[in-house]
N, C-alpha and C. Protein backbone atom coordinates (compact mmCIF):
# COMPACT_ATOMS: atom_id res chain seq x y z
N MET A 1 0.84 -1.18 0.00
CA MET A 1 0.00 0.00 0.00
C MET A 1 0.89 1.25 0.00
N PRO A 2 0.57 2.26 -0.80
CA PRO A 2 1.39 3.47 -0.86
C PRO A 2 1.42 4.19 0.48
N ASN A 3 2.50 4.90 0.71
CA ASN A 3 2.64 5.69 1.92
C ASN A 3 2.08 7.08 1.66
N TYR A 4 0.79 7.31 1.95
CA TYR A 4 0.16 8.60 1.70
C TYR A 4 0.51 9.58 2.80
N ARG A 5 0.82 10.79 2.40
CA ARG A 5 1.07 11.85 3.36
C ARG A 5 -0.25 12.45 3.78
N THR A 6 -0.32 12.84 5.01
CA THR A 6 -1.51 13.56 5.46
C THR A 6 -1.12 15.03 5.47
N SER A 7 -1.43 15.71 4.40
CA SER A 7 -1.05 17.11 4.27
C SER A 7 -2.22 18.03 4.54
N GLY A 8 -3.26 17.50 5.14
CA GLY A 8 -4.37 18.36 5.49
C GLY A 8 -5.48 18.33 4.47
N TYR A 9 -5.72 19.47 3.90
CA TYR A 9 -6.93 19.67 3.11
C TYR A 9 -6.58 20.40 1.82
N HIS A 10 -7.09 19.92 0.70
CA HIS A 10 -6.89 20.58 -0.59
C HIS A 10 -8.26 20.91 -1.16
N ALA A 11 -8.46 22.14 -1.57
CA ALA A 11 -9.72 22.56 -2.18
C ALA A 11 -9.41 23.27 -3.48
N TYR A 12 -10.07 22.84 -4.55
CA TYR A 12 -9.84 23.39 -5.88
C TYR A 12 -11.16 23.71 -6.55
N ILE A 13 -11.13 24.65 -7.46
CA ILE A 13 -12.20 24.83 -8.43
C ILE A 13 -11.71 24.16 -9.71
N LEU A 14 -12.51 23.25 -10.23
CA LEU A 14 -12.17 22.54 -11.46
C LEU A 14 -12.96 23.15 -12.61
N ARG A 15 -12.26 23.51 -13.67
CA ARG A 15 -12.91 24.02 -14.89
C ARG A 15 -12.57 23.06 -16.02
N LEU A 16 -13.60 22.67 -16.78
CA LEU A 16 -13.43 21.78 -17.93
C LEU A 16 -14.08 22.42 -19.14
N TRP A 17 -13.41 22.32 -20.29
CA TRP A 17 -14.01 22.80 -21.53
C TRP A 17 -13.48 21.96 -22.68
N GLU A 18 -14.30 21.87 -23.71
CA GLU A 18 -13.91 21.10 -24.88
C GLU A 18 -13.55 22.05 -26.00
N GLU A 19 -12.35 21.86 -26.53
CA GLU A 19 -11.92 22.62 -27.70
C GLU A 19 -12.34 21.83 -28.92
N ASN A 20 -12.97 22.50 -29.85
CA ASN A 20 -13.48 21.85 -31.05
C ASN A 20 -12.35 21.25 -31.87
N GLY A 21 -12.61 20.05 -32.39
CA GLY A 21 -11.65 19.40 -33.25
C GLY A 21 -11.66 20.04 -34.64
N ARG A 22 -10.62 19.81 -35.38
CA ARG A 22 -10.52 20.35 -36.74
C ARG A 22 -10.80 19.26 -37.75
N CYS A 23 -11.37 19.66 -38.85
CA CYS A 23 -11.61 18.75 -39.98
C CYS A 23 -12.39 17.51 -39.57
N GLY A 24 -13.39 17.70 -38.73
CA GLY A 24 -14.24 16.59 -38.33
C GLY A 24 -13.67 15.70 -37.24
N LEU A 25 -12.49 16.03 -36.73
CA LEU A 25 -11.91 15.23 -35.64
C LEU A 25 -12.59 15.58 -34.33
N PRO A 26 -12.61 14.64 -33.38
CA PRO A 26 -13.23 14.94 -32.08
C PRO A 26 -12.47 16.03 -31.35
N GLY A 27 -13.19 16.73 -30.48
CA GLY A 27 -12.58 17.79 -29.69
C GLY A 27 -11.68 17.23 -28.59
N VAL A 28 -10.92 18.12 -27.99
CA VAL A 28 -10.01 17.76 -26.90
C VAL A 28 -10.49 18.46 -25.63
N TRP A 29 -10.55 17.71 -24.54
CA TRP A 29 -10.93 18.30 -23.27
C TRP A 29 -9.72 18.94 -22.60
N ARG A 30 -9.87 20.18 -22.22
CA ARG A 30 -8.85 20.92 -21.47
C ARG A 30 -9.39 21.16 -20.07
N CYS A 31 -8.51 21.43 -19.13
CA CYS A 31 -8.98 21.66 -17.77
C CYS A 31 -8.00 22.54 -17.00
N SER A 32 -8.51 23.13 -15.94
CA SER A 32 -7.66 23.89 -15.04
C SER A 32 -8.16 23.69 -13.62
N LEU A 33 -7.23 23.83 -12.69
CA LEU A 33 -7.54 23.80 -11.26
C LEU A 33 -7.12 25.12 -10.66
N GLU A 34 -7.94 25.65 -9.81
CA GLU A 34 -7.57 26.84 -9.04
C GLU A 34 -7.57 26.46 -7.57
N ASN A 35 -6.43 26.63 -6.93
CA ASN A 35 -6.30 26.34 -5.51
C ASN A 35 -7.04 27.43 -4.74
N LEU A 36 -8.01 27.04 -3.93
CA LEU A 36 -8.81 28.03 -3.21
C LEU A 36 -8.04 28.71 -2.08
N GLN A 37 -6.98 28.08 -1.60
CA GLN A 37 -6.18 28.70 -0.54
C GLN A 37 -5.21 29.73 -1.08
N THR A 38 -4.61 29.45 -2.24
CA THR A 38 -3.57 30.33 -2.78
C THR A 38 -4.02 31.12 -4.01
N GLN A 39 -5.17 30.76 -4.57
CA GLN A 39 -5.69 31.34 -5.82
C GLN A 39 -4.78 31.07 -7.02
N GLN A 40 -3.84 30.16 -6.88
CA GLN A 40 -2.98 29.80 -8.00
C GLN A 40 -3.76 28.91 -8.95
N ARG A 41 -3.68 29.22 -10.24
CA ARG A 41 -4.37 28.44 -11.26
C ARG A 41 -3.34 27.66 -12.08
N ARG A 42 -3.68 26.41 -12.36
CA ARG A 42 -2.78 25.54 -13.12
C ARG A 42 -3.60 24.91 -14.23
N GLY A 43 -3.10 24.99 -15.46
CA GLY A 43 -3.79 24.42 -16.62
C GLY A 43 -3.24 23.06 -16.99
N PHE A 44 -4.08 22.26 -17.61
CA PHE A 44 -3.70 20.92 -18.03
C PHE A 44 -4.16 20.70 -19.46
N PRO A 45 -3.33 20.08 -20.30
CA PRO A 45 -3.69 19.90 -21.71
C PRO A 45 -4.73 18.82 -21.94
N ASN A 46 -4.93 17.94 -20.93
CA ASN A 46 -5.89 16.85 -21.08
C ASN A 46 -6.24 16.30 -19.70
N LEU A 47 -7.24 15.42 -19.67
CA LEU A 47 -7.69 14.85 -18.41
C LEU A 47 -6.62 13.97 -17.76
N GLU A 48 -5.85 13.27 -18.58
CA GLU A 48 -4.81 12.40 -18.03
C GLU A 48 -3.80 13.21 -17.21
N ALA A 49 -3.38 14.36 -17.72
CA ALA A 49 -2.42 15.20 -17.00
C ALA A 49 -3.02 15.70 -15.68
N LEU A 50 -4.31 16.03 -15.69
CA LEU A 50 -5.00 16.45 -14.47
C LEU A 50 -4.97 15.32 -13.44
N PHE A 51 -5.33 14.10 -13.87
CA PHE A 51 -5.36 12.97 -12.95
C PHE A 51 -3.98 12.68 -12.38
N VAL A 52 -2.94 12.76 -13.22
CA VAL A 52 -1.58 12.53 -12.75
C VAL A 52 -1.22 13.54 -11.67
N PHE A 53 -1.54 14.81 -11.91
CA PHE A 53 -1.26 15.86 -10.93
C PHE A 53 -1.98 15.57 -9.61
N LEU A 54 -3.27 15.26 -9.67
CA LEU A 54 -4.03 15.01 -8.45
C LEU A 54 -3.51 13.81 -7.68
N CYS A 55 -3.13 12.76 -8.38
CA CYS A 55 -2.56 11.59 -7.71
C CYS A 55 -1.26 11.94 -7.01
N ARG A 56 -0.45 12.74 -7.68
CA ARG A 56 0.84 13.14 -7.08
C ARG A 56 0.62 14.04 -5.87
N VAL A 57 -0.37 14.92 -5.92
CA VAL A 57 -0.67 15.78 -4.77
C VAL A 57 -1.06 14.93 -3.57
N VAL A 58 -1.89 13.92 -3.80
CA VAL A 58 -2.32 13.06 -2.71
C VAL A 58 -1.14 12.27 -2.14
N GLU A 59 -0.27 11.78 -3.01
CA GLU A 59 0.84 10.95 -2.57
C GLU A 59 2.01 11.75 -1.99
N GLU A 60 2.30 12.93 -2.58
CA GLU A 60 3.52 13.66 -2.23
C GLU A 60 3.26 15.00 -1.56
N GLY A 61 2.09 15.56 -1.70
CA GLY A 61 1.81 16.89 -1.19
C GLY A 61 2.02 17.92 -2.29
N GLU A 62 1.17 18.93 -2.31
CA GLU A 62 1.18 19.89 -3.41
C GLU A 62 2.48 20.68 -3.49
N SER A 63 3.07 21.05 -2.36
CA SER A 63 4.29 21.86 -2.42
C SER A 63 5.43 21.09 -3.06
N GLU A 64 5.54 19.79 -2.79
CA GLU A 64 6.60 18.98 -3.41
C GLU A 64 6.38 18.84 -4.91
N VAL A 65 5.12 18.65 -5.32
CA VAL A 65 4.81 18.52 -6.74
C VAL A 65 5.10 19.82 -7.46
N LYS A 66 4.76 20.95 -6.85
CA LYS A 66 5.00 22.27 -7.45
C LYS A 66 6.49 22.49 -7.67
N VAL A 67 7.31 22.17 -6.68
CA VAL A 67 8.76 22.35 -6.81
C VAL A 67 9.30 21.47 -7.93
N GLN A 68 8.84 20.22 -8.01
CA GLN A 68 9.31 19.31 -9.06
C GLN A 68 8.91 19.83 -10.44
N MET A 69 7.69 20.34 -10.57
CA MET A 69 7.23 20.84 -11.86
C MET A 69 8.02 22.08 -12.28
N GLU A 70 8.31 22.97 -11.32
CA GLU A 70 9.09 24.17 -11.62
C GLU A 70 10.50 23.78 -12.05
N ASN A 71 11.09 22.81 -11.37
CA ASN A 71 12.44 22.37 -11.74
C ASN A 71 12.45 21.75 -13.13
N ASN A 72 11.42 20.96 -13.46
CA ASN A 72 11.33 20.37 -14.80
C ASN A 72 11.21 21.44 -15.86
N ALA A 73 10.42 22.50 -15.59
CA ALA A 73 10.25 23.58 -16.56
C ALA A 73 11.56 24.35 -16.75
N GLU A 74 12.30 24.60 -15.66
CA GLU A 74 13.58 25.29 -15.77
C GLU A 74 14.58 24.46 -16.56
N ASN A 75 14.60 23.15 -16.32
CA ASN A 75 15.53 22.28 -17.04
C ASN A 75 15.19 22.24 -18.53
N ALA A 76 13.90 22.26 -18.86
CA ALA A 76 13.49 22.26 -20.26
C ALA A 76 13.90 23.56 -20.93
N ASN A 77 13.78 24.69 -20.22
CA ASN A 77 14.20 25.98 -20.77
C ASN A 77 15.71 26.05 -20.95
N ASP A 78 16.45 25.47 -20.02
CA ASP A 78 17.91 25.47 -20.13
C ASP A 78 18.39 24.64 -21.32
N ALA A 79 17.64 23.59 -21.66
CA ALA A 79 18.01 22.72 -22.77
C ALA A 79 17.81 23.39 -24.11
N ASN A 80 16.95 24.41 -24.15
CA ASN A 80 16.67 25.11 -25.44
C ASN A 80 17.67 26.16 -25.68
């Protein structure tokens, strides 16, 4: 069984919208979460990315996930 951290309480506003597909292709669902405590908004390109983020928050805590995501973004920018 995973070792879940008890980091208290997380409250978000979830927004979902479908972007129309092109040339008869199905649309893509986009989503964003807004943290009600910090008012920070985070966008996701698809539902899978949202689910991955939420699972990581539950397992690792939001502050650890945020630091890892920022480090990944900085490393990607440095590579360009």
